[in-house]
Amino acid sequence: MRPFHLAFPVTDLEATRSFYGGVMGCRIGRESPGCWIDFDLFGHQLSAHLRPAAPEAAASGGVDGDQVPIPHFGVVLEMADWKALAARLESDSDTDWRLRPKIRFEGEPGEQATMFVMDPSGNALEFKAFADDAAIFAA
């Protein structure tokens, strides 16, 4: 599978650099000072573009009894990587949780580990993992 590219708005490039580069552990790629920064998010290219007006607050939608932010983006990780990221985020007292790490759809098709966090600009991110990747698109 080839990596995806996502360009998204941020309100503060240095806070974004600190969050994605420091807290999330993303490698920092190319950048244009005062304009944008590229990050390697688990092999995918994120381009954070400065847009001083704050993004609209995420609305929520119901999923398996939880309210989750809509819109959101993220990555489906290997379970070991998901657990490592969950531990990394849980150890950071500044993590802005929307849904702490949990198992969703337990015992059902599509059972998954999931968590939601907000970045400093109010962008919602979901990270999930499946015990069996065949369940990613299970009906």
Protein backbone atom coordinates (compact mmCIF):
# COMPACT_ATOMS: atom_id res chain seq x y z
CA MET A 1 0.00 0.00 0.00
CA ARG A 2 1.27 3.45 -0.84
CA PRO A 3 1.30 6.23 1.78
CA PHE A 4 -1.48 8.80 1.80
CA HIS A 5 -0.97 12.57 1.87
CA LEU A 6 -3.14 14.86 3.94
CA ALA A 7 -2.88 18.65 4.08
CA PHE A 8 -4.68 20.13 7.07
CA PRO A 9 -4.98 23.53 8.79
CA VAL A 10 -3.17 24.50 11.97
CA THR A 11 -3.21 27.74 13.95
CA ASP A 12 0.35 27.65 15.33
CA LEU A 13 3.25 25.98 13.51
CA GLU A 14 5.55 25.76 16.56
CA ALA A 15 2.85 24.16 18.74
CA THR A 16 2.16 21.80 15.83
CA ARG A 17 5.89 20.96 15.51
CA SER A 18 6.03 20.25 19.25
CA PHE A 19 2.92 18.02 19.20
CA TYR A 20 3.58 15.99 16.05
CA GLY A 21 7.38 15.97 16.29
CA GLY A 22 7.70 15.66 20.07
CA VAL A 23 4.57 14.10 21.57
CA MET A 24 3.62 11.92 18.59
CA GLY A 25 7.25 11.15 17.62
CA CYS A 26 6.79 11.99 13.94
CA ARG A 27 9.88 12.62 11.82
CA ILE A 28 9.85 16.20 10.51
CA GLY A 29 10.29 16.54 6.77
CA ARG A 30 10.38 19.53 4.47
CA GLU A 31 8.96 22.85 5.55
CA SER A 32 8.43 26.40 4.44
CA PRO A 33 8.96 28.65 7.48
CA GLY A 34 5.77 30.46 8.41
CA CYS A 35 3.73 28.43 5.90
CA TRP A 36 3.79 24.63 6.36
CA ILE A 37 5.60 21.62 7.85
CA ASP A 38 5.56 18.01 6.60
CA PHE A 39 5.45 15.16 9.12
CA ASP A 40 5.96 11.42 8.71
CA LEU A 41 2.97 9.90 10.53
CA PHE A 42 3.64 6.15 10.52
CA GLY A 43 4.85 6.34 6.91
CA HIS A 44 2.17 8.78 5.71
CA GLN A 45 2.77 12.40 4.72
CA LEU A 46 0.96 15.03 6.78
CA SER A 47 1.31 18.63 5.66
CA ALA A 48 0.37 21.09 8.40
CA HIS A 49 -0.51 24.43 6.77
CA LEU A 50 -0.72 27.59 8.81
CA ARG A 51 -4.23 29.00 8.85
CA PRO A 52 -4.44 31.50 11.74
CA ALA A 53 -8.23 31.30 12.05
CA ALA A 54 -9.03 28.31 14.25
CA PRO A 55 -10.68 25.29 12.61
CA GLU A 56 -14.31 24.82 13.54
CA ALA A 57 -14.84 22.70 16.60
CA ALA A 58 -15.47 19.09 15.70
CA ALA A 59 -19.06 17.93 15.94
CA SER A 60 -19.65 14.45 17.26
CA GLY A 61 -21.17 11.26 16.03
CA GLY A 62 -22.14 8.11 17.89
CA VAL A 63 -20.05 4.96 17.47
CA ASP A 64 -20.61 1.91 19.68
CA GLY A 65 -22.01 4.04 22.50
CA ASP A 66 -19.29 6.73 22.40
CA GLN A 67 -19.39 10.25 21.01
CA VAL A 68 -16.47 10.73 18.63
CA PRO A 69 -15.29 13.92 16.91
CA ILE A 70 -16.33 14.40 13.29
CA PRO A 71 -14.33 15.10 11.17
CA HIS A 72 -11.19 13.25 12.23
CA PHE A 73 -8.25 11.51 10.62
CA GLY A 74 -5.70 8.96 11.77
CA VAL A 75 -3.95 5.71 11.02
CA VAL A 76 -4.76 2.03 11.43
CA LEU A 77 -1.69 0.70 13.25
CA GLU A 78 -0.29 -2.70 14.08
CA MET A 79 -1.47 -3.61 17.60
CA ALA A 80 2.03 -3.32 19.12
CA ASP A 81 2.44 0.17 17.61
CA TRP A 82 -1.03 1.18 18.86
CA LYS A 83 -0.18 0.04 22.39
CA ALA A 84 3.15 1.91 22.30
CA LEU A 85 1.44 5.10 21.08
CA ALA A 86 -1.31 4.77 23.71
CA ALA A 87 1.34 4.45 26.43
CA ARG A 88 3.26 7.43 25.02
CA LEU A 89 0.13 9.62 24.96
CA GLU A 90 -1.06 8.45 28.39
CA SER A 91 2.31 9.41 29.88
CA ASP A 92 1.97 12.98 28.51
CA SER A 93 -0.11 15.00 30.96
CA ASP A 94 -0.95 17.52 28.20
CA THR A 95 -2.67 14.98 25.92
CA ASP A 96 -6.11 16.35 25.02
CA TRP A 97 -8.16 13.15 25.07
CA ARG A 98 -11.53 12.81 23.39
CA LEU A 99 -11.66 9.06 23.93
CA ARG A 100 -9.08 7.23 26.00
CA PRO A 101 -7.70 3.91 24.69
CA LYS A 102 -10.34 1.20 24.64
CA ILE A 103 -11.62 -1.82 22.75
CA ARG A 104 -14.69 -1.15 20.61
CA PHE A 105 -17.13 -3.70 19.16
CA GLU A 106 -15.74 -6.29 21.56
CA GLY A 107 -16.55 -9.84 20.44
CA GLU A 108 -18.13 -8.56 17.20
CA PRO A 109 -16.92 -8.32 13.60
CA GLY A 110 -14.62 -5.33 13.40
CA GLU A 111 -13.44 -5.49 17.03
CA GLN A 112 -10.77 -2.82 17.37
CA ALA A 113 -8.58 -0.88 19.74
CA THR A 114 -9.23 2.86 19.37
CA MET A 115 -8.37 6.24 20.87
CA PHE A 116 -9.03 9.86 19.96
CA VAL A 117 -6.87 12.92 20.73
CA MET A 118 -6.94 16.55 19.66
CA ASP A 119 -3.90 18.38 18.31
CA PRO A 120 -3.11 21.94 19.48
CA SER A 121 -5.18 23.43 16.64
CA GLY A 122 -8.31 21.41 17.42
CA ASN A 123 -7.85 18.73 14.74
CA ALA A 124 -9.21 15.38 15.90
CA LEU A 125 -7.08 12.26 15.39
CA GLU A 126 -8.08 8.63 15.77
CA PHE A 127 -5.63 5.76 16.03
CA LYS A 128 -6.93 2.23 15.84
CA ALA A 129 -5.65 -1.34 15.56
CA PHE A 130 -7.16 -4.75 14.94
CA ALA A 131 -6.03 -8.08 16.35
CA ASP A 132 -6.61 -9.40 12.79
CA ASP A 133 -6.32 -6.97 9.88
CA ALA A 134 -8.93 -9.02 8.01
CA ALA A 135 -11.44 -7.37 10.36
CA ILE A 136 -10.67 -3.85 9.09
CA PHE A 137 -13.53 -4.01 6.59
CA ALA A 138 -15.61 -6.68 8.34
CA ALA A 139 -19.35 -6.26 7.93
